[in-house]
Amino acid sequence: MSGLRLATRKSPLARWQANHVAGLWRKGFPEVAVSLVEMTTTGDRLSEVPLQAFGGKALFIKELEQALLEDRADVAVHSLKDVTSDFPAGLCLAAVPEREDARDAWVSPAGHKLLSLPRGARVGTASLRRACLLKAARPDLEVVPLRGNVETRLRKATELGLAGTVLAVAGLVRLGLQHHITEVLPVELSLPAVGQGALALEVRSADVQVRERASTLEHRPSRLAVDAERAFLARLEGGCTIPLGGHAVLEGNQLWLRGFVGSPDGAEVLRGEKRGPVTEGAQLGRALAEELLGRGADRLLLLSRQPP
């Protein structure tokens, strides 16, 4: 292998992530020339449209996957939270590098804490998960749509006079923008999205050499955690069209998985958790999903899928 082509979106955060992976690859395989194949995805082009109206976060990865299938790239670098439960035929998840902080951050231009905002304050997010949890914590808040890359959302929050917005800690840290964080939200208040803070390296299943080399970038603890989260997601058949979250952490040889499913307005939120051996993450994810379904999550999922 003389060269490696990494497919990535063109956003600043996506390029940072791809360059990070390129650096890891060069360190492990210095003889390989690594280049980026930068692409604009459907999700990027529909920057002012609610994602749930057009198929969700999968819109951020399908062009990259097509580049793999057409041999225009060797590895696609994704934010794992954008990756669907199932992969197209011929593609697979080769590695999950070490995860960054998975939590949400509250960013307030005026420096106000989330729970101490005045009644009726306006907050911005395009995430149904975040909107649901914001309304569950503070039913009085007015949630306004706010899409775009990290820098765009920071700018719009100020321009629109919003009390604040919620962004991923990982994205702010990776872009050197952590000074904007007013407070890191506890998981108990804002349960992260499945896979948040983690990267995904997707490759062609038949490309054995690339698969094997990509696997050396795997961070096993991160993979164990996200596998449990993704099993939870897969059983619920969820995406960004449904307010749900899942977050797993390792505690020695045990895995602690928490998850929720909510109504879009935050009026109802079903939460649950499971603990078990780290080797049984997928079983834990499915078991937690089954528990929530038995408590009424199926009704909430049906409600979320109804047309507006």
Protein backbone atom coordinates (compact mmCIF):
# COMPACT_ATOMS: atom_id res chain seq x y z
CA MET A 1 0.00 0.00 0.00
CA SER A 2 1.64 3.23 -1.16
CA GLY A 3 -1.24 5.64 -0.54
CA LEU A 4 -4.40 5.94 1.53
CA ARG A 5 -7.42 8.09 0.66
CA LEU A 6 -9.55 9.30 3.56
CA ALA A 7 -13.06 10.48 2.66
CA THR A 8 -14.38 13.32 4.79
CA ARG A 9 -16.91 16.11 4.79
CA LYS A 10 -15.59 19.62 4.21
CA SER A 11 -16.71 21.16 7.50
CA PRO A 12 -13.92 22.37 9.83
CA LEU A 13 -14.76 19.72 12.43
CA ALA A 14 -14.91 16.91 9.88
CA ARG A 15 -11.55 17.97 8.43
CA TRP A 16 -10.06 18.08 11.93
CA GLN A 17 -11.29 14.53 12.53
CA ALA A 18 -9.91 13.29 9.22
CA ASN A 19 -6.56 14.96 9.83
CA HIS A 20 -6.47 13.41 13.29
CA VAL A 21 -6.99 9.96 11.78
CA ALA A 22 -4.40 10.75 9.10
CA GLY A 23 -1.91 11.57 11.86
CA LEU A 24 -2.61 8.29 13.64
CA TRP A 25 -2.21 6.40 10.37
CA ARG A 26 1.08 8.11 9.51
CA LYS A 27 2.41 7.31 12.97
CA GLY A 28 1.58 3.62 12.60
CA PHE A 29 2.45 3.33 8.91
CA PRO A 30 4.95 6.09 8.06
CA GLU A 31 5.61 4.62 4.63
CA VAL A 32 2.01 5.31 3.52
CA ALA A 33 1.12 8.65 1.91
CA VAL A 34 -2.24 9.78 3.30
CA SER A 35 -4.51 12.22 1.46
CA LEU A 36 -7.98 13.62 2.13
CA VAL A 37 -10.91 13.31 -0.26
CA GLU A 38 -13.14 16.20 0.81
CA MET A 39 -16.82 16.02 -0.04
CA THR A 40 -20.04 17.99 0.44
CA THR A 41 -22.87 15.75 1.61
CA THR A 42 -26.63 16.08 1.24
CA GLY A 43 -26.82 16.97 4.93
CA ASP A 44 -24.43 19.86 4.34
CA ARG A 45 -26.41 21.15 1.35
CA LEU A 46 -29.67 21.05 3.33
CA SER A 47 -28.17 23.20 6.08
CA GLU A 48 -31.38 25.15 6.71
CA VAL A 49 -33.76 22.18 6.62
CA PRO A 50 -34.70 19.97 9.61
CA LEU A 51 -32.80 16.72 9.13
CA GLN A 52 -35.72 14.59 10.29
CA ALA A 53 -37.67 15.76 7.25
CA PHE A 54 -35.13 14.20 4.87
CA GLY A 55 -33.95 10.98 6.47
CA GLY A 56 -31.85 12.11 9.41
CA LYS A 57 -28.14 12.11 10.04
CA ALA A 58 -27.50 9.40 7.44
CA LEU A 59 -27.52 12.31 4.98
CA PHE A 60 -24.08 13.22 6.32
CA ILE A 61 -22.48 9.93 5.34
CA LYS A 62 -24.07 8.51 2.20
CA GLU A 63 -21.81 10.35 -0.27
CA LEU A 64 -18.75 9.18 1.67
CA GLU A 65 -20.04 5.60 1.58
CA GLN A 66 -20.63 5.88 -2.16
CA ALA A 67 -17.02 7.02 -2.59
CA LEU A 68 -15.91 3.84 -0.81
CA LEU A 69 -18.13 1.63 -2.94
CA GLU A 70 -16.85 3.28 -6.13
CA ASP A 71 -13.20 2.99 -5.00
CA ARG A 72 -12.72 6.76 -4.88
CA ALA A 73 -11.62 6.48 -1.24
CA ASP A 74 -10.24 3.76 1.03
CA VAL A 75 -11.52 4.86 4.44
CA ALA A 76 -14.45 7.11 5.37
CA VAL A 77 -14.06 9.08 8.59
CA HIS A 78 -17.37 9.82 10.30
CA SER A 79 -18.67 11.14 13.58
CA LEU A 80 -20.01 7.87 14.95
CA LYS A 81 -23.27 9.51 16.06
CA ASP A 82 -24.07 10.06 12.35
CA VAL A 83 -23.55 6.39 11.42
CA THR A 84 -26.67 4.26 10.96
CA SER A 85 -27.17 0.93 12.71
CA ASP A 86 -26.75 -1.05 9.51
CA PHE A 87 -24.01 -0.67 6.91
CA PRO A 88 -24.50 -0.91 3.14
CA ALA A 89 -23.56 -4.23 1.62
CA GLY A 90 -19.80 -4.39 1.17
CA LEU A 91 -18.93 -1.87 3.91
CA CYS A 92 -18.11 -2.32 7.60
CA LEU A 93 -16.96 -0.47 10.71
CA ALA A 94 -13.24 -1.21 10.89
CA ALA A 95 -12.28 0.81 13.97
CA VAL A 96 -13.36 3.25 16.65
CA PRO A 97 -10.39 5.37 17.82
CA GLU A 98 -10.25 6.67 21.39
CA ARG A 99 -13.36 8.61 22.25
CA GLU A 100 -13.40 12.26 23.32
CA ASP A 101 -15.71 13.53 26.10
CA ALA A 102 -19.20 12.36 25.10
CA ARG A 103 -21.15 14.94 27.11
CA ASP A 104 -23.14 17.97 25.97
CA ALA A 105 -22.02 21.52 26.67
CA TRP A 106 -24.22 24.50 27.43
CA VAL A 107 -22.97 27.63 25.67
CA SER A 108 -24.46 30.95 26.73
CA PRO A 109 -23.19 34.17 25.11
CA ALA A 110 -24.03 36.02 28.34
CA GLY A 111 -22.60 33.31 30.59
CA HIS A 112 -25.92 32.24 32.16
CA LYS A 113 -26.25 28.71 33.58
CA LEU A 114 -28.97 26.60 31.98
CA LEU A 115 -31.08 25.92 35.06
CA SER A 116 -30.93 29.54 36.21
CA LEU A 117 -32.18 31.09 32.96
CA PRO A 118 -35.17 33.45 33.28
CA ARG A 119 -38.57 31.97 32.46
CA GLY A 120 -39.39 31.87 28.75
CA ALA A 121 -35.76 32.21 27.66
CA ARG A 122 -35.04 31.28 24.04
CA VAL A 123 -32.53 28.49 23.45
CA GLY A 124 -31.37 27.05 20.13
CA THR A 125 -30.90 23.50 18.87
CA ALA A 126 -31.90 21.41 15.86
CA SER A 127 -31.50 18.15 17.81
CA LEU A 128 -34.76 16.49 18.83
CA ARG A 129 -32.87 14.75 21.64
CA ARG A 130 -31.53 18.00 23.06
CA ALA A 131 -34.84 19.81 22.58
CA CYS A 132 -36.68 17.04 24.42
CA LEU A 133 -34.26 17.07 27.36
CA LEU A 134 -34.18 20.87 27.52
CA LYS A 135 -37.97 20.97 27.70
CA ALA A 136 -38.03 18.14 30.23
CA ALA A 137 -35.68 20.10 32.50
CA ARG A 138 -37.23 23.50 31.80
CA PRO A 139 -40.74 23.28 30.27
CA ASP A 140 -40.90 27.09 30.15
CA LEU A 141 -38.05 27.47 27.68
CA GLU A 142 -38.69 28.34 24.04
CA VAL A 143 -36.62 26.08 21.77
CA VAL A 144 -35.82 27.56 18.35
CA PRO A 145 -34.23 25.66 15.42
CA LEU A 146 -30.47 26.17 15.10
CA ARG A 147 -28.52 24.24 12.45
CA GLY A 148 -25.11 24.54 10.88
CA ASN A 149 -21.54 23.65 11.77
CA VAL A 150 -20.14 24.41 15.21
CA GLU A 151 -18.87 27.90 14.35
CA THR A 152 -22.15 28.79 12.60
CA ARG A 153 -24.24 27.80 15.60
CA LEU A 154 -22.03 29.78 17.95
CA ARG A 155 -22.40 32.84 15.72
CA LYS A 156 -26.15 32.43 15.23
CA ALA A 157 -26.75 32.05 18.96
CA THR A 158 -25.34 35.55 19.43
CA GLU A 159 -26.93 37.08 16.33
CA LEU A 160 -30.39 35.76 17.22
CA GLY A 161 -30.11 36.96 20.80
CA LEU A 162 -30.54 33.46 22.21
CA ALA A 163 -29.93 32.69 25.87
CA GLY A 164 -27.74 29.83 24.69
CA THR A 165 -27.38 26.59 22.78
CA VAL A 166 -26.23 23.02 23.41
CA LEU A 167 -23.24 21.62 21.54
CA ALA A 168 -21.08 18.53 21.91
CA VAL A 169 -18.10 19.01 24.21
CA ALA A 170 -16.04 16.91 21.79
CA GLY A 171 -16.57 19.22 18.82
CA LEU A 172 -15.71 22.34 20.81
CA VAL A 173 -12.56 20.75 22.25
CA ARG A 174 -11.38 19.44 18.89
CA LEU A 175 -11.75 22.88 17.31
CA GLY A 176 -10.08 24.67 20.22
CA LEU A 177 -13.34 26.40 21.10
CA GLN A 178 -13.77 25.01 24.61
CA HIS A 179 -13.49 28.54 26.02
CA HIS A 180 -17.08 29.05 24.82
CA ILE A 181 -18.38 26.38 27.21
CA THR A 182 -20.43 27.91 30.02
CA GLU A 183 -20.97 24.54 31.70
CA VAL A 184 -20.62 20.87 30.84
CA LEU A 185 -24.05 19.34 31.30
CA PRO A 186 -24.23 16.26 33.52
CA VAL A 187 -25.36 13.05 31.87
CA GLU A 188 -28.29 12.94 34.27
CA LEU A 189 -29.58 16.17 32.72
CA SER A 190 -28.56 15.78 29.08
CA LEU A 191 -27.94 12.15 28.13
CA PRO A 192 -25.65 12.12 25.08
CA ALA A 193 -26.49 10.82 21.63
CA VAL A 194 -25.44 7.28 20.81
CA GLY A 195 -21.80 7.38 19.72
CA GLN A 196 -21.31 11.06 20.59
CA GLY A 197 -17.64 12.01 20.91
CA ALA A 198 -16.44 8.93 18.98
CA LEU A 199 -15.14 8.58 15.43
CA ALA A 200 -15.90 5.77 13.01
CA LEU A 201 -13.57 4.38 10.35
CA GLU A 202 -15.65 2.73 7.63
CA VAL A 203 -13.99 0.61 4.93
CA ARG A 204 -14.78 -1.89 2.22
CA SER A 205 -15.23 -5.33 3.80
CA ALA A 206 -13.24 -7.01 1.04
CA ASP A 207 -10.23 -4.68 1.41
CA VAL A 208 -8.40 -6.89 3.90
CA GLN A 209 -5.19 -4.85 4.05
CA VAL A 210 -6.97 -1.59 4.80
CA ARG A 211 -9.26 -3.31 7.31
CA GLU A 212 -6.36 -4.84 9.18
CA ARG A 213 -4.39 -1.61 9.31
CA ALA A 214 -7.43 0.41 10.33
CA SER A 215 -8.06 -2.04 13.17
CA THR A 216 -4.74 -1.01 14.76
CA LEU A 217 -6.34 2.39 15.46
CA GLU A 218 -9.09 0.75 17.50
CA HIS A 219 -9.50 1.84 21.14
CA ARG A 220 -11.08 -1.20 22.74
CA PRO A 221 -12.76 0.55 25.72
CA SER A 222 -14.37 3.07 23.36
CA ARG A 223 -15.57 0.29 21.06
CA LEU A 224 -17.09 -1.70 23.92
CA ALA A 225 -19.05 1.34 25.08
CA VAL A 226 -20.36 2.38 21.68
CA ASP A 227 -21.27 -1.18 20.72
CA ALA A 228 -23.65 -1.27 23.70
CA GLU A 229 -25.10 2.12 22.76
CA ARG A 230 -25.56 1.14 19.12
CA ALA A 231 -27.29 -2.12 20.08
CA PHE A 232 -29.73 -0.03 22.12
CA LEU A 233 -30.30 2.25 19.13
CA ALA A 234 -30.67 -0.61 16.67
CA ARG A 235 -33.37 -2.33 18.71
CA LEU A 236 -35.35 0.89 18.89
CA GLU A 237 -34.76 1.52 15.16
CA GLY A 238 -34.05 5.12 16.08
CA GLY A 239 -32.18 8.00 14.54
CA CYS A 240 -32.33 11.76 14.69
CA THR A 241 -36.06 11.54 13.87
CA ILE A 242 -36.72 10.31 17.41
CA PRO A 243 -35.77 11.91 20.76
CA LEU A 244 -33.54 9.27 22.30
CA GLY A 245 -30.07 8.95 23.75
CA GLY A 246 -27.73 6.27 25.02
CA HIS A 247 -24.47 6.48 26.91
CA ALA A 248 -22.22 3.69 28.22
CA VAL A 249 -19.12 3.85 30.42
CA LEU A 250 -16.72 1.18 31.59
CA GLU A 251 -16.29 0.60 35.32
CA GLY A 252 -13.54 -1.97 35.62
CA ASN A 253 -14.84 -5.11 33.96
CA GLN A 254 -18.43 -3.84 34.10
CA LEU A 255 -20.37 -1.71 31.62
CA TRP A 256 -22.91 0.87 32.76
CA LEU A 257 -25.42 1.78 30.06
CA ARG A 258 -28.05 4.50 30.41
CA GLY A 259 -30.71 5.33 27.84
CA PHE A 260 -33.89 7.29 27.30
CA VAL A 261 -36.75 7.73 24.86
CA GLY A 262 -38.91 10.85 25.04
CA SER A 263 -41.75 12.71 23.45
CA PRO A 264 -40.77 15.59 21.13
CA ASP A 265 -42.09 18.19 23.58
CA GLY A 266 -40.23 16.70 26.55
CA ALA A 267 -43.48 16.13 28.45
CA GLU A 268 -42.69 12.44 28.79
CA VAL A 269 -39.23 10.92 29.15
CA LEU A 270 -38.63 7.23 29.85
CA ARG A 271 -35.19 6.54 31.33
CA GLY A 272 -33.47 3.30 32.23
CA GLU A 273 -30.09 1.74 32.87
CA LYS A 274 -28.36 -1.62 32.85
CA ARG A 275 -25.09 -2.92 34.25
CA GLY A 276 -23.26 -6.04 33.17
CA PRO A 277 -19.98 -7.56 31.96
CA VAL A 278 -18.11 -5.54 29.33
CA THR A 279 -18.27 -8.58 27.06
CA GLU A 280 -22.07 -8.40 26.98
CA GLY A 281 -22.54 -4.85 25.72
CA ALA A 282 -24.80 -5.76 22.81
CA GLN A 283 -27.02 -7.84 25.10
CA LEU A 284 -27.21 -4.96 27.57
CA GLY A 285 -28.19 -2.55 24.82
CA ARG A 286 -30.96 -4.78 23.56
CA ALA A 287 -32.17 -5.55 27.10
CA LEU A 288 -32.40 -1.86 27.97
CA ALA A 289 -34.30 -1.16 24.77
CA GLU A 290 -36.73 -4.01 25.54
CA GLU A 291 -37.27 -2.65 29.05
CA LEU A 292 -38.14 0.80 27.75
CA LEU A 293 -40.38 -0.65 25.05
CA GLY A 294 -42.23 -2.57 27.75
CA ARG A 295 -42.72 0.67 29.70
CA GLY A 296 -44.28 2.52 26.78
CA ALA A 297 -41.39 3.57 24.53
CA ASP A 298 -43.12 1.95 21.57
CA ARG A 299 -45.93 4.48 21.91
CA LEU A 300 -43.47 7.38 22.10
CA LEU A 301 -41.59 6.08 19.06
CA LEU A 302 -44.82 5.86 17.10
CA LEU A 303 -45.74 9.38 18.19
CA SER A 304 -42.37 10.74 17.05
CA ARG A 305 -42.76 9.11 13.64
CA GLN A 306 -46.13 10.74 12.96
CA PRO A 307 -46.05 13.51 10.35
CA PRO A 308 -46.23 17.04 11.86
